[in-house]
N, C-alpha and C. Protein backbone atom coordinates (compact mmCIF):
# COMPACT_ATOMS: atom_id res chain seq x y z
N MET A 1 -103.77 -20.28 63.78
CA MET A 1 -104.24 -20.14 64.71
C MET A 1 -105.90 -19.46 64.28
N PRO A 2 -106.44 -18.56 63.11
CA PRO A 2 -107.65 -18.48 62.97
C PRO A 2 -108.01 -20.08 62.54
N LYS A 3 -107.14 -20.30 62.08
CA LYS A 3 -108.04 -21.83 61.15
C LYS A 3 -108.82 -22.62 61.94
N SER A 4 -107.61 -23.22 62.92
CA SER A 4 -108.62 -23.73 64.19
C SER A 4 -108.85 -23.59 65.21
N ALA A 5 -109.54 -22.20 64.66
CA ALA A 5 -110.63 -21.65 66.32
C ALA A 5 -112.14 -22.40 65.01
N PRO A 6 -112.09 -21.56 64.51
CA PRO A 6 -113.93 -22.69 63.62
C PRO A 6 -113.86 -24.15 63.91
N PRO A 7 -113.42 -24.68 63.98
CA PRO A 7 -113.46 -25.91 63.89
C PRO A 7 -113.84 -26.45 66.39
N GLU A 8 -112.66 -25.48 66.28
CA GLU A 8 -113.10 -25.32 67.45
C GLU A 8 -114.87 -25.38 68.12
N VAL A 9 -114.94 -23.68 67.77
CA VAL A 9 -116.60 -23.71 67.82
C VAL A 9 -117.29 -24.36 67.87
N ALA A 10 -117.00 -24.31 66.29
CA ALA A 10 -118.03 -25.62 65.34
C ALA A 10 -118.79 -27.22 66.49
N ALA A 11 -117.21 -27.50 67.01
CA ALA A 11 -117.47 -28.90 67.83
C ALA A 11 -118.28 -28.25 69.52
N GLN A 12 -118.05 -26.71 69.69
CA GLN A 12 -118.33 -27.03 70.96
C GLN A 12 -120.69 -25.93 70.76
N LEU A 13 -120.31 -25.54 69.46
CA LEU A 13 -122.00 -25.42 69.03
C LEU A 13 -122.53 -26.77 68.64
N SER A 14 -122.15 -27.99 68.48
CA SER A 14 -122.55 -29.40 68.04
C SER A 14 -123.11 -29.87 69.03
N ASN A 15 -121.49 -29.79 70.46
CA ASN A 15 -121.94 -30.14 71.66
C ASN A 15 -123.40 -29.53 72.37
N LEU A 16 -123.45 -28.04 72.09
CA LEU A 16 -124.34 -27.75 73.05
C LEU A 16 -126.18 -27.63 72.78
N GLN A 17 -126.07 -28.39 70.77
CA GLN A 17 -127.21 -28.62 70.20
C GLN A 17 -127.44 -29.62 71.16
N ALA A 18 -126.07 -30.66 71.01
CA ALA A 18 -126.89 -32.22 71.64
C ALA A 18 -127.01 -31.58 72.55
N ARG A 19 -126.54 -30.82 74.10
CA ARG A 19 -127.56 -31.27 74.94
C ARG A 19 -128.78 -30.60 75.16
N ALA A 20 -129.68 -29.33 74.41
CA ALA A 20 -130.54 -29.29 74.37
C ALA A 20 -131.15 -30.25 73.40
N GLN A 21 -130.89 -30.79 72.76
CA GLN A 21 -131.99 -31.99 72.38
C GLN A 21 -132.39 -33.21 73.13
N THR A 22 -131.15 -33.57 74.06
CA THR A 22 -131.75 -35.00 75.21
C THR A 22 -132.06 -34.08 76.22
N GLN A 23 -132.40 -32.79 76.98
CA GLN A 23 -132.51 -31.80 77.84
C GLN A 23 -134.71 -31.72 77.19
N HIS A 24 -133.98 -31.66 76.20
CA HIS A 24 -136.10 -31.34 75.69
C HIS A 24 -136.44 -33.30 75.40
N LYS A 25 -135.90 -33.76 75.15
CA LYS A 25 -135.94 -35.10 74.92
C LYS A 25 -136.93 -35.43 76.93
N ASP A 26 -135.12 -34.90 77.76
CA ASP A 26 -136.01 -35.65 78.91
C ASP A 26 -136.88 -34.77 79.70
N ALA A 27 -137.63 -33.32 79.19
CA ALA A 27 -138.69 -32.99 79.62
C ALA A 27 -139.76 -33.03 78.87
N THR A 28 -139.59 -33.93 77.74
CA THR A 28 -141.46 -34.07 77.14
C THR A 28 -141.60 -35.60 77.80
N ALA A 29 -140.46 -36.13 78.15
CA ALA A 29 -141.08 -37.75 78.67
C ALA A 29 -141.46 -38.12 79.47
N SER A 30 -141.23 -37.17 80.93
CA SER A 30 -141.75 -37.22 82.53
C SER A 30 -143.02 -36.26 82.09
N THR A 31 -144.01 -37.10 81.87
CA THR A 31 -144.87 -36.22 81.10
C THR A 31 -145.93 -35.96 82.70
N PRO A 32 -147.11 -35.00 82.87
CA PRO A 32 -147.83 -34.69 84.27
C PRO A 32 -147.87 -35.82 84.67
N SER A 33 -149.11 -37.14 83.49
CA SER A 33 -150.02 -37.78 84.24
C SER A 33 -148.69 -39.26 84.82
N THR A 34 -147.89 -39.91 85.06
CA THR A 34 -146.65 -40.03 85.23
C THR A 34 -146.95 -40.29 86.44
N SER A 35 -146.87 -39.18 86.88
CA SER A 35 -146.24 -38.30 88.28
C SER A 35 -147.38 -37.70 88.76
N THR A 36 -148.93 -37.67 89.03
CA THR A 36 -149.84 -36.89 89.65
C THR A 36 -149.85 -37.02 91.31
N ALA A 37 -149.13 -38.03 91.94
CA ALA A 37 -149.33 -38.41 93.40
C ALA A 37 -148.34 -38.27 93.54
N LEU A 38 -148.16 -37.27 94.40
CA LEU A 38 -146.96 -36.80 95.74
C LEU A 38 -146.77 -37.31 96.43
N PRO A 39 -145.35 -38.16 96.93
CA PRO A 39 -145.09 -39.15 97.60
C PRO A 39 -145.00 -39.26 99.39
N ALA A 40 -145.36 -37.85 99.21
CA ALA A 40 -146.14 -36.89 100.71
C ALA A 40 -147.44 -37.87 100.80
N LYS A 41 -148.57 -37.32 99.96
CA LYS A 41 -149.50 -37.24 100.32
C LYS A 41 -149.98 -39.26 99.78
N LEU A 42 -148.56 -39.72 99.17
CA LEU A 42 -149.26 -40.93 98.87
C LEU A 42 -148.99 -42.05 100.37
N ALA A 43 -148.04 -41.19 101.06
CA ALA A 43 -147.74 -42.05 102.90
C ALA A 43 -149.14 -41.59 103.73
N LYS A 44 -149.39 -40.35 103.56
CA LYS A 44 -150.60 -39.90 104.07
C LYS A 44 -152.26 -40.38 104.09
N ASN A 45 -152.58 -41.33 102.95
CA ASN A 45 -153.58 -42.21 102.26
C ASN A 45 -154.08 -43.28 102.83
N LYS A 46 -154.15 -43.45 104.03
CA LYS A 46 -155.50 -44.29 105.13
C LYS A 46 -155.62 -45.86 103.98
N ARG A 47 -155.94 -44.90 102.69
CA ARG A 47 -156.61 -46.55 102.05
C ARG A 47 -156.12 -46.90 101.24
N LEU A 48 -154.56 -46.97 101.04
CA LEU A 48 -154.15 -47.88 100.32
C LEU A 48 -153.31 -48.40 101.53
N PRO A 49 -152.24 -50.17 101.21
CA PRO A 49 -153.05 -51.17 101.35
C PRO A 49 -151.37 -50.91 102.52
N ALA A 50 -151.92 -51.18 104.09
CA ALA A 50 -150.89 -51.43 104.65
C ALA A 50 -149.34 -51.21 104.67
N THR A 51 -149.10 -51.84 104.16
CA THR A 51 -147.70 -51.97 104.20
C THR A 51 -147.41 -51.97 103.18
N MET A 52 -146.69 -50.65 102.56
CA MET A 52 -146.37 -49.99 100.92
C MET A 52 -144.58 -50.00 101.16
N ILE A 53 -144.20 -49.70 99.71
CA ILE A 53 -143.07 -49.45 99.45
C ILE A 53 -143.36 -47.45 99.06
N THR A 54 -142.65 -47.49 99.77
CA THR A 54 -142.09 -45.92 99.44
C THR A 54 -141.02 -45.78 98.36
N PRO A 55 -140.89 -44.42 97.73
CA PRO A 55 -140.85 -43.84 97.07
C PRO A 55 -139.25 -44.27 97.21
N ALA A 56 -138.67 -44.14 98.63
CA ALA A 56 -137.14 -44.31 98.12
C ALA A 56 -136.90 -46.28 98.98
N GLY A 57 -137.58 -46.76 98.55
CA GLY A 57 -137.33 -48.15 98.94
C GLY A 57 -137.59 -49.02 99.98
N SER A 58 -138.27 -48.20 100.78
CA SER A 58 -138.20 -49.07 102.37
C SER A 58 -139.79 -49.49 102.70
N VAL A 59 -139.73 -49.73 103.19
CA VAL A 59 -141.11 -51.18 103.56
C VAL A 59 -142.12 -50.17 104.66
N ASP A 60 -143.13 -49.25 104.77
CA ASP A 60 -143.59 -48.48 105.91
C ASP A 60 -143.81 -49.82 106.62
N SER A 61 -144.49 -49.06 107.72
CA SER A 61 -145.39 -50.15 108.94
C SER A 61 -146.89 -49.87 108.60
N LYS A 62 -148.07 -50.89 109.38
CA LYS A 62 -148.77 -50.15 108.66
C LYS A 62 -149.39 -49.04 109.12
N LYS A 63 -150.71 -48.41 108.53
CA LYS A 63 -150.84 -46.62 109.08
C LYS A 63 -152.11 -46.97 109.41
N LYS A 64 -153.20 -48.13 109.10
CA LYS A 64 -154.15 -48.12 110.27
C LYS A 64 -153.40 -48.86 111.25
N GLY A 65 -154.51 -47.86 112.45
CA GLY A 65 -153.99 -48.45 114.26
C GLY A 65 -155.38 -47.71 114.62
N GLY A 66 -155.09 -47.95 115.85
CA GLY A 66 -156.17 -48.27 116.65
C GLY A 66 -157.50 -48.27 116.05
N LYS A 67 -158.56 -49.50 115.34
CA LYS A 67 -159.55 -49.29 114.38
C LYS A 67 -159.57 -50.73 115.58
N ARG A 68 -161.37 -50.25 116.46
CA ARG A 68 -161.89 -50.65 117.16
C ARG A 68 -162.59 -52.12 117.31
N VAL A 69 -162.28 -53.35 117.86
CA VAL A 69 -162.86 -54.78 118.35
C VAL A 69 -164.22 -54.78 118.55
N GLY A 70 -164.98 -55.76 118.41
CA GLY A 70 -166.11 -55.54 118.18
C GLY A 70 -165.84 -56.74 119.15
N LYS A 71 -167.13 -56.77 120.76
CA LYS A 71 -166.69 -57.81 121.65
C LYS A 71 -166.86 -59.12 121.17
N LYS A 72 -167.89 -59.33 119.99
CA LYS A 72 -167.58 -60.73 120.25
C LYS A 72 -166.46 -60.66 119.15
N GLN A 73 -165.97 -60.05 118.21
CA GLN A 73 -164.54 -60.73 117.73
C GLN A 73 -163.88 -61.29 118.89
N ARG A 74 -164.01 -59.84 119.72
CA ARG A 74 -162.42 -60.22 120.95
C ARG A 74 -163.11 -61.60 121.26
N LYS A 75 -164.62 -61.47 121.95
CA LYS A 75 -164.52 -63.36 122.90
C LYS A 75 -163.94 -64.04 121.89
N ARG A 76 -163.71 -64.15 120.23
CA ARG A 76 -164.20 -65.09 119.48
C ARG A 76 -162.10 -65.37 119.11
N THR A 77 -161.61 -64.87 118.53
CA THR A 77 -160.22 -64.39 119.00
C THR A 77 -159.65 -65.15 120.20
N GLU A 78 -160.18 -65.52 122.09
CA GLU A 78 -159.95 -65.66 122.71
C GLU A 78 -159.94 -67.05 122.48
N GLU A 79 -161.10 -67.13 121.90
CA GLU A 79 -161.69 -69.20 121.70
C GLU A 79 -160.48 -69.52 121.00
N GLY A 80 -160.48 -68.86 120.12
CA GLY A 80 -159.78 -69.26 119.27
C GLY A 80 -157.77 -69.54 119.49
N LYS A 81 -157.31 -68.56 120.53
CA LYS A 81 -156.61 -69.02 121.33
C LYS A 81 -155.95 -70.03 122.31
N GLU A 82 -156.99 -69.83 122.37
CA GLU A 82 -157.26 -70.94 123.24
C GLU A 82 -157.46 -72.31 122.81
N LYS A 83 -158.64 -72.41 121.89
CA LYS A 83 -158.11 -73.74 121.10
C LYS A 83 -156.96 -74.60 120.03
N ALA A 84 -155.80 -73.14 119.91
CA ALA A 84 -154.16 -73.48 119.49
C ALA A 84 -153.58 -73.76 120.63
N LEU A 85 -153.87 -73.44 122.07
CA LEU A 85 -152.74 -74.01 122.75
C LEU A 85 -153.31 -75.05 123.76
N GLU A 86 -154.43 -75.29 123.36
CA GLU A 86 -154.85 -76.60 123.95
C GLU A 86 -154.47 -77.86 122.60
N ARG A 87 -154.48 -77.69 121.22
CA ARG A 87 -153.84 -78.62 120.27
C ARG A 87 -152.44 -78.39 120.15
N SER A 88 -152.00 -77.39 120.53
CA SER A 88 -150.70 -77.44 121.00
C SER A 88 -149.99 -78.64 121.64
N GLY A 89 -150.93 -78.58 122.61
CA GLY A 89 -150.84 -79.14 124.22
C GLY A 89 -150.39 -80.93 123.02
N LYS A 90 -152.15 -81.04 122.83
CA LYS A 90 -152.06 -82.05 122.84
C LYS A 90 -151.26 -82.86 121.80
N LEU A 91 -150.66 -81.61 120.62
CA LEU A 91 -149.45 -82.68 119.57
C LEU A 91 -148.19 -82.69 120.46
N GLU A 92 -148.10 -81.84 120.88
CA GLU A 92 -146.74 -82.04 121.84
C GLU A 92 -146.71 -83.66 122.15
N GLU A 93 -147.19 -83.44 123.22
CA GLU A 93 -148.12 -85.09 123.78
C GLU A 93 -147.41 -86.23 122.85
N LYS A 94 -148.40 -85.63 121.43
CA LYS A 94 -148.43 -86.74 120.67
C LYS A 94 -146.63 -86.88 120.55
N VAL A 95 -146.40 -85.97 120.30
CA VAL A 95 -144.59 -86.04 119.64
C VAL A 95 -144.05 -87.26 120.51
N LYS A 96 -144.22 -86.40 121.52
CA LYS A 96 -143.88 -87.36 122.94
C LYS A 96 -143.44 -88.55 122.85
N GLY A 97 -145.05 -88.48 123.29
CA GLY A 97 -145.17 -90.37 122.78
C GLY A 97 -144.43 -91.29 121.83
N ARG A 98 -144.43 -90.85 120.72
CA ARG A 98 -144.26 -90.99 119.44
C ARG A 98 -142.06 -91.32 119.50
N GLU A 99 -141.45 -89.92 120.24
CA GLU A 99 -140.53 -90.42 121.05
C GLU A 99 -140.41 -91.21 121.04
N GLU A 100 -140.90 -91.10 122.19
CA GLU A 100 -140.86 -92.22 123.29
C GLU A 100 -140.86 -94.17 123.30
N ARG A 101 -141.96 -94.41 121.98
CA ARG A 101 -142.07 -95.51 121.24
C ARG A 101 -141.09 -95.87 120.55
N LYS A 102 -140.49 -95.07 120.07
CA LYS A 102 -139.50 -94.91 118.96
C LYS A 102 -137.68 -95.01 119.86
N ALA A 103 -138.06 -94.90 121.44
CA ALA A 103 -136.29 -94.70 121.90
C ALA A 103 -136.67 -96.23 122.52
N LYS A 104 -138.18 -96.64 122.71
CA LYS A 104 -137.73 -97.64 123.24
C LYS A 104 -137.89 -99.37 122.15
N ARG A 105 -138.25 -98.73 121.55
CA ARG A 105 -137.88 -99.88 119.68
C ARG A 105 -136.49 -99.36 119.48
N GLN A 106 -135.37 -98.54 119.96
CA GLN A 106 -134.73 -99.10 119.04
C GLN A 106 -133.78 -99.81 120.45
N LYS A 107 -134.79 -99.68 121.28
CA LYS A 107 -133.63 -99.94 122.54
C LYS A 107 -133.34 -101.47 122.68
N ALA A 108 -135.27 -101.91 122.18
CA ALA A 108 -134.85 -103.42 122.46
C ALA A 108 -133.99 -104.39 121.12
N LYS A 109 -134.33 -102.95 120.00
CA LYS A 109 -133.24 -104.10 119.33
C LYS A 109 -131.79 -103.81 118.98
N ASN A 110 -131.48 -102.52 119.93
CA ASN A 110 -129.77 -102.96 120.10
C ASN A 110 -129.96 -103.80 121.17
N ALA A 111 -130.62 -103.73 122.19
CA ALA A 111 -130.52 -105.37 123.11
C ALA A 111 -130.78 -106.69 122.77
N TRP A 112 -131.47 -106.71 121.30
CA TRP A 112 -131.57 -107.86 120.56
C TRP A 112 -129.97 -108.56 120.01
N GLU A 113 -129.68 -106.98 119.45
CA GLU A 113 -128.39 -107.53 118.79
C GLU A 113 -127.49 -107.31 119.72
């Protein structure tokens, strides 16, 4: 038995040395310059983009809220919405007219045959 013990001890020592080297490499690989900002501080920073991917991988919703909008800008947006409604109504009328003409042509074509 004493002859087999030293190789086992030597194997254990080599395993321990290998572990120590890998731990040392891991400790030196993560330098402080790569992880300067904590995720909690990033989440509180309002100057970052409104939607941001968190370290967990989920997408954060907008952080900036309650921004005041001036009277002129509100008026402009309202006018834009009204114009968009008018344009969509006109477009619907055009599409209906096209479909009616197409149906009329198809009906005439079928009647001819």
